[in-house]
Amino acid sequence: MPLTPKATLEQLLESLGFPATVEEHHLDEGHLLEVKTDDSGRLIGRQGQTLADLQYLVNRMIFQADSTAPKVLVDVGGYRSQARDALVQKAKEAAEKVRRWGDVVELEPMSAFDRRIIHNALRDDPGVETHSVEVDGTDKKAILLRPKH
């Protein structure tokens, strides 16, 4: 029998030598696994990269056991929710510049996960449209905000 998402993450953290507790929350789009640990900085990593890698591994392990399993979102110490709030704020500020000046605003290159947050934050904005664009020399894409016509 496959392990639950929570048990999968707990086992992985234990194997990596991170003493932690995991709380599981059910979301519309899957599971949120919230990790509580004294070593959150090392689990989050630079710009959340270690956290993203951990989430990828957990999802791969779960998918191997059950290809129909819903996606799992992993958070450590509220990092993702704080980062999400900051991204939504940045999106709103950029959209305000587009509406006020009519200029195109380009946000810095970011991961697909972060771009999805920006696109969703501005999806219902009647005056602004968002587009992801390739950035030379990187595997990330930037977001362009421009006036809707």
C-alpha atoms as a PDB file:
ATOM      1  CA  MET A   1       0.000   0.000   0.000  1.00  0.00           C
ATOM      2  CA  PRO A   2       1.427   3.427  -0.961  1.00  0.00           C
ATOM      3  CA  LEU A   3       2.348   5.868   1.773  1.00  0.00           C
ATOM      4  CA  THR A   4       0.206   8.954   2.321  1.00  0.00           C
ATOM      5  CA  PRO A   5       1.709  12.256   1.145  1.00  0.00           C
ATOM      6  CA  LYS A   6       2.349  13.192   4.799  1.00  0.00           C
ATOM      7  CA  ALA A   7       4.088   9.879   5.553  1.00  0.00           C
ATOM      8  CA  THR A   8       6.120  10.135   2.330  1.00  0.00           C
ATOM      9  CA  LEU A   9       7.441  13.574   3.302  1.00  0.00           C
ATOM     10  CA  GLU A  10       8.087  12.516   6.914  1.00  0.00           C
ATOM     11  CA  GLN A  11      10.077   9.501   5.732  1.00  0.00           C
ATOM     12  CA  LEU A  12      12.064  11.615   3.255  1.00  0.00           C
ATOM     13  CA  LEU A  13      12.899  14.258   5.888  1.00  0.00           C
ATOM     14  CA  GLU A  14      13.920  11.564   8.345  1.00  0.00           C
ATOM     15  CA  SER A  15      16.163   9.927   5.724  1.00  0.00           C
ATOM     16  CA  LEU A  16      17.777  13.321   5.063  1.00  0.00           C
ATOM     17  CA  GLY A  17      18.386  13.860   8.783  1.00  0.00           C
ATOM     18  CA  PHE A  18      15.887  16.665   9.368  1.00  0.00           C
ATOM     19  CA  PRO A  19      13.891  16.242  12.586  1.00  0.00           C
ATOM     20  CA  ALA A  20      10.512  17.783  11.755  1.00  0.00           C
ATOM     21  CA  THR A  21       6.794  17.474  12.211  1.00  0.00           C
ATOM     22  CA  VAL A  22       4.435  17.642   9.240  1.00  0.00           C
ATOM     23  CA  GLU A  23       0.877  18.945   9.316  1.00  0.00           C
ATOM     24  CA  GLU A  24      -1.403  18.048   6.429  1.00  0.00           C
ATOM     25  CA  HIS A  25      -4.112  20.377   5.119  1.00  0.00           C
ATOM     26  CA  HIS A  26      -6.502  19.589   2.278  1.00  0.00           C
ATOM     27  CA  LEU A  27      -6.837  22.236  -0.446  1.00  0.00           C
ATOM     28  CA  ASP A  28      -9.065  22.365  -3.512  1.00  0.00           C
ATOM     29  CA  GLU A  29      -6.090  21.603  -5.745  1.00  0.00           C
ATOM     30  CA  GLY A  30      -4.454  18.932  -3.566  1.00  0.00           C
ATOM     31  CA  HIS A  31      -2.617  18.686  -0.252  1.00  0.00           C
ATOM     32  CA  LEU A  32      -0.584  21.251   1.648  1.00  0.00           C
ATOM     33  CA  LEU A  33       2.112  19.718   3.796  1.00  0.00           C
ATOM     34  CA  GLU A  34       3.381  22.211   6.340  1.00  0.00           C
ATOM     35  CA  VAL A  35       6.777  21.353   7.809  1.00  0.00           C
ATOM     36  CA  LYS A  36       7.719  22.557  11.280  1.00  0.00           C
ATOM     37  CA  THR A  37      11.428  22.316  12.038  1.00  0.00           C
ATOM     38  CA  ASP A  38      14.200  24.201  13.841  1.00  0.00           C
ATOM     39  CA  ASP A  39      16.266  23.966  10.649  1.00  0.00           C
ATOM     40  CA  SER A  40      13.823  25.703   8.296  1.00  0.00           C
ATOM     41  CA  GLY A  41      16.473  27.855   6.594  1.00  0.00           C
ATOM     42  CA  ARG A  42      18.330  24.813   5.263  1.00  0.00           C
ATOM     43  CA  LEU A  43      15.085  23.209   4.073  1.00  0.00           C
ATOM     44  CA  ILE A  44      13.944  26.383   2.295  1.00  0.00           C
ATOM     45  CA  GLY A  45      17.319  27.070   0.680  1.00  0.00           C
ATOM     46  CA  ARG A  46      18.358  30.076  -1.370  1.00  0.00           C
ATOM     47  CA  GLN A  47      15.256  31.736  -2.885  1.00  0.00           C
ATOM     48  CA  GLY A  48      13.223  28.666  -1.919  1.00  0.00           C
ATOM     49  CA  GLN A  49      15.141  26.351  -4.263  1.00  0.00           C
ATOM     50  CA  THR A  50      15.641  23.520  -1.743  1.00  0.00           C
ATOM     51  CA  LEU A  51      11.966  23.721  -0.828  1.00  0.00           C
ATOM     52  CA  ALA A  52      11.003  23.526  -4.515  1.00  0.00           C
ATOM     53  CA  ASP A  53      13.277  20.497  -4.971  1.00  0.00           C
ATOM     54  CA  LEU A  54      11.811  18.805  -1.891  1.00  0.00           C
ATOM     55  CA  GLN A  55       8.300  19.397  -3.215  1.00  0.00           C
ATOM     56  CA  TYR A  56       9.304  17.970  -6.604  1.00  0.00           C
ATOM     57  CA  LEU A  57      10.740  14.822  -4.993  1.00  0.00           C
ATOM     58  CA  VAL A  58       7.672  14.248  -2.821  1.00  0.00           C
ATOM     59  CA  ASN A  59       5.361  14.637  -5.825  1.00  0.00           C
ATOM     60  CA  ARG A  60       7.500  12.236  -7.905  1.00  0.00           C
ATOM     61  CA  MET A  61       7.454   9.636  -5.126  1.00  0.00           C
ATOM     62  CA  ILE A  62       3.689   9.931  -4.705  1.00  0.00           C
ATOM     63  CA  PHE A  63       3.071   9.868  -8.471  1.00  0.00           C
ATOM     64  CA  GLN A  64       5.195   6.689  -8.806  1.00  0.00           C
ATOM     65  CA  ALA A  65       2.934   4.960  -6.289  1.00  0.00           C
ATOM     66  CA  ASP A  66      -0.333   6.423  -7.638  1.00  0.00           C
ATOM     67  CA  SER A  67      -0.447   8.322 -10.928  1.00  0.00           C
ATOM     68  CA  THR A  68      -3.893   9.728 -10.060  1.00  0.00           C
ATOM     69  CA  ALA A  69      -2.813  11.262  -6.736  1.00  0.00           C
ATOM     70  CA  PRO A  70      -3.401  15.013  -6.389  1.00  0.00           C
ATOM     71  CA  LYS A  71      -0.419  17.384  -6.328  1.00  0.00           C
ATOM     72  CA  VAL A  72       1.236  18.176  -3.025  1.00  0.00           C
ATOM     73  CA  LEU A  73       2.362  21.653  -2.015  1.00  0.00           C
ATOM     74  CA  VAL A  74       5.169  21.646   0.574  1.00  0.00           C
ATOM     75  CA  ASP A  75       5.735  24.671   2.814  1.00  0.00           C
ATOM     76  CA  VAL A  76       8.299  25.235   5.553  1.00  0.00           C
ATOM     77  CA  GLY A  77       7.691  27.760   8.307  1.00  0.00           C
ATOM     78  CA  GLY A  78       5.098  29.681   6.274  1.00  0.00           C
ATOM     79  CA  TYR A  79       7.706  30.571   3.638  1.00  0.00           C
ATOM     80  CA  ARG A  80       5.435  29.933   0.654  1.00  0.00           C
ATOM     81  CA  SER A  81       2.479  31.875   2.029  1.00  0.00           C
ATOM     82  CA  GLN A  82       4.700  34.893   2.830  1.00  0.00           C
ATOM     83  CA  ALA A  83       6.386  34.663  -0.586  1.00  0.00           C
ATOM     84  CA  ARG A  84       2.963  34.359  -2.259  1.00  0.00           C
ATOM     85  CA  ASP A  85       1.666  37.455  -0.467  1.00  0.00           C
ATOM     86  CA  ALA A  86       4.769  39.394  -1.579  1.00  0.00           C
ATOM     87  CA  LEU A  87       4.295  38.267  -5.209  1.00  0.00           C
ATOM     88  CA  VAL A  88       0.618  39.257  -5.218  1.00  0.00           C
ATOM     89  CA  GLN A  89       1.577  42.683  -3.831  1.00  0.00           C
ATOM     90  CA  LYS A  90       4.270  43.083  -6.517  1.00  0.00           C
ATOM     91  CA  ALA A  91       1.739  42.105  -9.218  1.00  0.00           C
ATOM     92  CA  LYS A  92      -0.791  44.668  -7.967  1.00  0.00           C
ATOM     93  CA  GLU A  93       1.831  47.431  -7.865  1.00  0.00           C
ATOM     94  CA  ALA A  94       2.989  46.605 -11.415  1.00  0.00           C
ATOM     95  CA  ALA A  95      -0.631  46.512 -12.643  1.00  0.00           C
ATOM     96  CA  GLU A  96      -1.221  49.939 -11.103  1.00  0.00           C
ATOM     97  CA  LYS A  97       1.743  51.340 -13.107  1.00  0.00           C
ATOM     98  CA  VAL A  98       0.328  49.813 -16.297  1.00  0.00           C
ATOM     99  CA  ARG A  99      -3.104  51.350 -15.651  1.00  0.00           C
ATOM    100  CA  ARG A 100      -1.689  54.736 -14.644  1.00  0.00           C
ATOM    101  CA  TRP A 101       0.936  55.222 -17.362  1.00  0.00           C
ATOM    102  CA  GLY A 102      -0.142  52.789 -20.086  1.00  0.00           C
ATOM    103  CA  ASP A 103       3.392  51.367 -20.209  1.00  0.00           C
ATOM    104  CA  VAL A 104       4.443  47.741 -20.482  1.00  0.00           C
ATOM    105  CA  VAL A 105       5.986  46.516 -17.204  1.00  0.00           C
ATOM    106  CA  GLU A 106       8.364  43.551 -17.117  1.00  0.00           C
ATOM    107  CA  LEU A 107       8.822  41.611 -13.887  1.00  0.00           C
ATOM    108  CA  GLU A 108      12.052  39.746 -13.201  1.00  0.00           C
ATOM    109  CA  PRO A 109      12.524  36.146 -14.398  1.00  0.00           C
ATOM    110  CA  MET A 110      10.794  33.686 -12.073  1.00  0.00           C
ATOM    111  CA  SER A 111       9.790  30.049 -11.763  1.00  0.00           C
ATOM    112  CA  ALA A 112       6.617  28.620 -13.293  1.00  0.00           C
ATOM    113  CA  PHE A 113       5.171  28.307  -9.773  1.00  0.00           C
ATOM    114  CA  ASP A 114       5.683  32.024  -9.087  1.00  0.00           C
ATOM    115  CA  ARG A 115       4.446  33.065 -12.552  1.00  0.00           C
ATOM    116  CA  ARG A 116       1.213  31.142 -11.981  1.00  0.00           C
ATOM    117  CA  ILE A 117       0.648  33.157  -8.768  1.00  0.00           C
ATOM    118  CA  ILE A 118       1.099  36.445 -10.697  1.00  0.00           C
ATOM    119  CA  HIS A 119      -1.149  35.366 -13.599  1.00  0.00           C
ATOM    120  CA  ASN A 120      -3.870  34.243 -11.171  1.00  0.00           C
ATOM    121  CA  ALA A 121      -3.614  37.446  -9.113  1.00  0.00           C
ATOM    122  CA  LEU A 122      -4.266  39.573 -12.218  1.00  0.00           C
ATOM    123  CA  ARG A 123      -6.561  37.198 -14.135  1.00  0.00           C
ATOM    124  CA  ASP A 124      -9.705  39.240 -13.414  1.00  0.00           C
ATOM    125  CA  ASP A 125      -8.105  42.682 -13.800  1.00  0.00           C
ATOM    126  CA  PRO A 126     -10.062  44.427 -16.589  1.00  0.00           C
ATOM    127  CA  GLY A 127      -7.234  46.817 -17.507  1.00  0.00           C
ATOM    128  CA  VAL A 128      -4.168  44.564 -17.557  1.00  0.00           C
ATOM    129  CA  GLU A 129      -3.107  41.416 -19.379  1.00  0.00           C
ATOM    130  CA  THR A 130      -0.128  39.216 -18.498  1.00  0.00           C
ATOM    131  CA  HIS A 131       2.183  37.177 -20.724  1.00  0.00           C
ATOM    132  CA  SER A 132       5.149  34.950 -19.904  1.00  0.00           C
ATOM    133  CA  VAL A 133       8.164  35.567 -22.136  1.00  0.00           C
ATOM    134  CA  GLU A 134      11.481  33.765 -22.617  1.00  0.00           C
ATOM    135  CA  VAL A 135      14.550  35.345 -21.056  1.00  0.00           C
ATOM    136  CA  ASP A 136      17.845  34.827 -22.891  1.00  0.00           C
ATOM    137  CA  GLY A 137      20.474  32.935 -20.911  1.00  0.00           C
ATOM    138  CA  THR A 138      18.107  31.460 -18.326  1.00  0.00           C
ATOM    139  CA  ASP A 139      15.575  28.655 -18.068  1.00  0.00           C
ATOM    140  CA  LYS A 140      13.126  30.982 -16.327  1.00  0.00           C
ATOM    141  CA  LYS A 141      10.575  33.255 -17.943  1.00  0.00           C
ATOM    142  CA  ALA A 142       9.606  36.820 -17.113  1.00  0.00           C
ATOM    143  CA  ILE A 143       6.102  38.247 -17.057  1.00  0.00           C
ATOM    144  CA  LEU A 144       5.073  41.219 -19.173  1.00  0.00           C
ATOM    145  CA  LEU A 145       2.099  43.254 -18.011  1.00  0.00           C
ATOM    146  CA  ARG A 146       0.459  45.451 -20.639  1.00  0.00           C
ATOM    147  CA  PRO A 147      -2.749  47.408 -21.011  1.00  0.00           C
ATOM    148  CA  LYS A 148      -5.773  45.459 -22.252  1.00  0.00           C
ATOM    149  CA  HIS A 149      -7.318  46.900 -25.366  1.00  0.00           C
END
